[in-house]
Amino acid sequence: MKNVDIKVEGTIMTIKVDLSKEFGPSASGKTIIIASTEGNVTVPDRDEKIGLNVYRKKP
């Protein structure tokens, strides 16, 4: 995972992403990647899965 922190307390999942970070352009080159789980991943200590991508348009 890139720039993604997942925490589960009881039945509440909290996702933390630092929006000031960048990991370069996407494969298409149209956006800048800020955070990604890099596909679907299992939520820690749970059966659920999550897939997350955070990005912004290139200027």
C-alpha atoms as a PDB file:
ATOM      1  CA  MET A   1       0.000   0.000   0.000  1.00  0.00           C
ATOM      2  CA  LYS A   2       1.132   3.513  -0.748  1.00  0.00           C
ATOM      3  CA  ASN A   3       0.282   6.274   1.752  1.00  0.00           C
ATOM      4  CA  VAL A   4      -2.737   4.422   3.216  1.00  0.00           C
ATOM      5  CA  ASP A   5      -3.169   3.681   6.926  1.00  0.00           C
ATOM      6  CA  ILE A   6      -6.178   1.526   7.853  1.00  0.00           C
ATOM      7  CA  LYS A   7      -7.290   1.087  11.446  1.00  0.00           C
ATOM      8  CA  VAL A   8     -10.282  -0.882  12.752  1.00  0.00           C
ATOM      9  CA  GLU A   9     -11.730  -0.248  16.206  1.00  0.00           C
ATOM     10  CA  GLY A  10     -14.785  -2.400  16.889  1.00  0.00           C
ATOM     11  CA  THR A  11     -16.923  -2.026  13.787  1.00  0.00           C
ATOM     12  CA  ILE A  12     -15.476   1.334  12.710  1.00  0.00           C
ATOM     13  CA  MET A  13     -12.776   1.446  10.020  1.00  0.00           C
ATOM     14  CA  THR A  14     -10.677   4.590   9.744  1.00  0.00           C
ATOM     15  CA  ILE A  15      -8.600   5.318   6.631  1.00  0.00           C
ATOM     16  CA  LYS A  16      -5.820   7.891   6.832  1.00  0.00           C
ATOM     17  CA  VAL A  17      -4.178   9.404   3.722  1.00  0.00           C
ATOM     18  CA  ASP A  18      -1.623  12.247   3.613  1.00  0.00           C
ATOM     19  CA  LEU A  19      -2.910  14.439   0.759  1.00  0.00           C
ATOM     20  CA  SER A  20       0.415  16.285   0.529  1.00  0.00           C
ATOM     21  CA  LYS A  21       2.231  13.229  -0.878  1.00  0.00           C
ATOM     22  CA  GLU A  22       2.505  12.265  -4.537  1.00  0.00           C
ATOM     23  CA  PHE A  23       3.700   9.042  -6.166  1.00  0.00           C
ATOM     24  CA  GLY A  24       3.968  10.209  -9.755  1.00  0.00           C
ATOM     25  CA  PRO A  25       1.677   9.906 -12.757  1.00  0.00           C
ATOM     26  CA  SER A  26      -0.880   7.176 -13.300  1.00  0.00           C
ATOM     27  CA  ALA A  27      -0.421   4.632 -16.082  1.00  0.00           C
ATOM     28  CA  SER A  28      -2.480   6.801 -18.448  1.00  0.00           C
ATOM     29  CA  GLY A  29      -0.512   9.904 -17.458  1.00  0.00           C
ATOM     30  CA  LYS A  30      -3.701  11.925 -16.911  1.00  0.00           C
ATOM     31  CA  THR A  31      -3.583  11.983 -13.107  1.00  0.00           C
ATOM     32  CA  ILE A  32      -1.121  12.100 -10.198  1.00  0.00           C
ATOM     33  CA  ILE A  33      -1.353   9.235  -7.709  1.00  0.00           C
ATOM     34  CA  ILE A  34      -1.623  10.338  -4.066  1.00  0.00           C
ATOM     35  CA  ALA A  35      -2.475   7.016  -2.381  1.00  0.00           C
ATOM     36  CA  SER A  36      -3.432   3.476  -3.321  1.00  0.00           C
ATOM     37  CA  THR A  37      -4.035   0.077  -1.815  1.00  0.00           C
ATOM     38  CA  GLU A  38      -2.666  -1.232  -5.136  1.00  0.00           C
ATOM     39  CA  GLY A  39      -5.673  -3.470  -5.704  1.00  0.00           C
ATOM     40  CA  ASN A  40      -8.106  -5.043  -3.274  1.00  0.00           C
ATOM     41  CA  VAL A  41      -6.694  -5.879   0.158  1.00  0.00           C
ATOM     42  CA  THR A  42      -8.206  -7.523   3.223  1.00  0.00           C
ATOM     43  CA  VAL A  43      -9.166  -5.191   6.062  1.00  0.00           C
ATOM     44  CA  PRO A  44      -6.882  -5.982   9.037  1.00  0.00           C
ATOM     45  CA  ASP A  45      -8.324  -8.757  11.251  1.00  0.00           C
ATOM     46  CA  ARG A  46     -11.580  -8.848   9.233  1.00  0.00           C
ATOM     47  CA  ASP A  47     -13.139 -10.675   6.274  1.00  0.00           C
ATOM     48  CA  GLU A  48     -13.972  -7.495   4.338  1.00  0.00           C
ATOM     49  CA  LYS A  49     -11.836  -6.190   1.494  1.00  0.00           C
ATOM     50  CA  ILE A  50     -11.096  -2.647   0.369  1.00  0.00           C
ATOM     51  CA  GLY A  51      -9.762  -1.128  -2.833  1.00  0.00           C
ATOM     52  CA  LEU A  52      -8.748   2.530  -2.667  1.00  0.00           C
ATOM     53  CA  ASN A  53      -7.231   4.987  -5.132  1.00  0.00           C
ATOM     54  CA  VAL A  54      -6.743   8.674  -4.369  1.00  0.00           C
ATOM     55  CA  TYR A  55      -5.574  10.884  -7.245  1.00  0.00           C
ATOM     56  CA  ARG A  56      -5.800  14.376  -8.713  1.00  0.00           C
ATOM     57  CA  LYS A  57      -5.865  15.728 -12.240  1.00  0.00           C
ATOM     58  CA  LYS A  58      -2.531  16.739 -13.690  1.00  0.00           C
ATOM     59  CA  PRO A  59      -2.242  20.521 -13.964  1.00  0.00           C
END
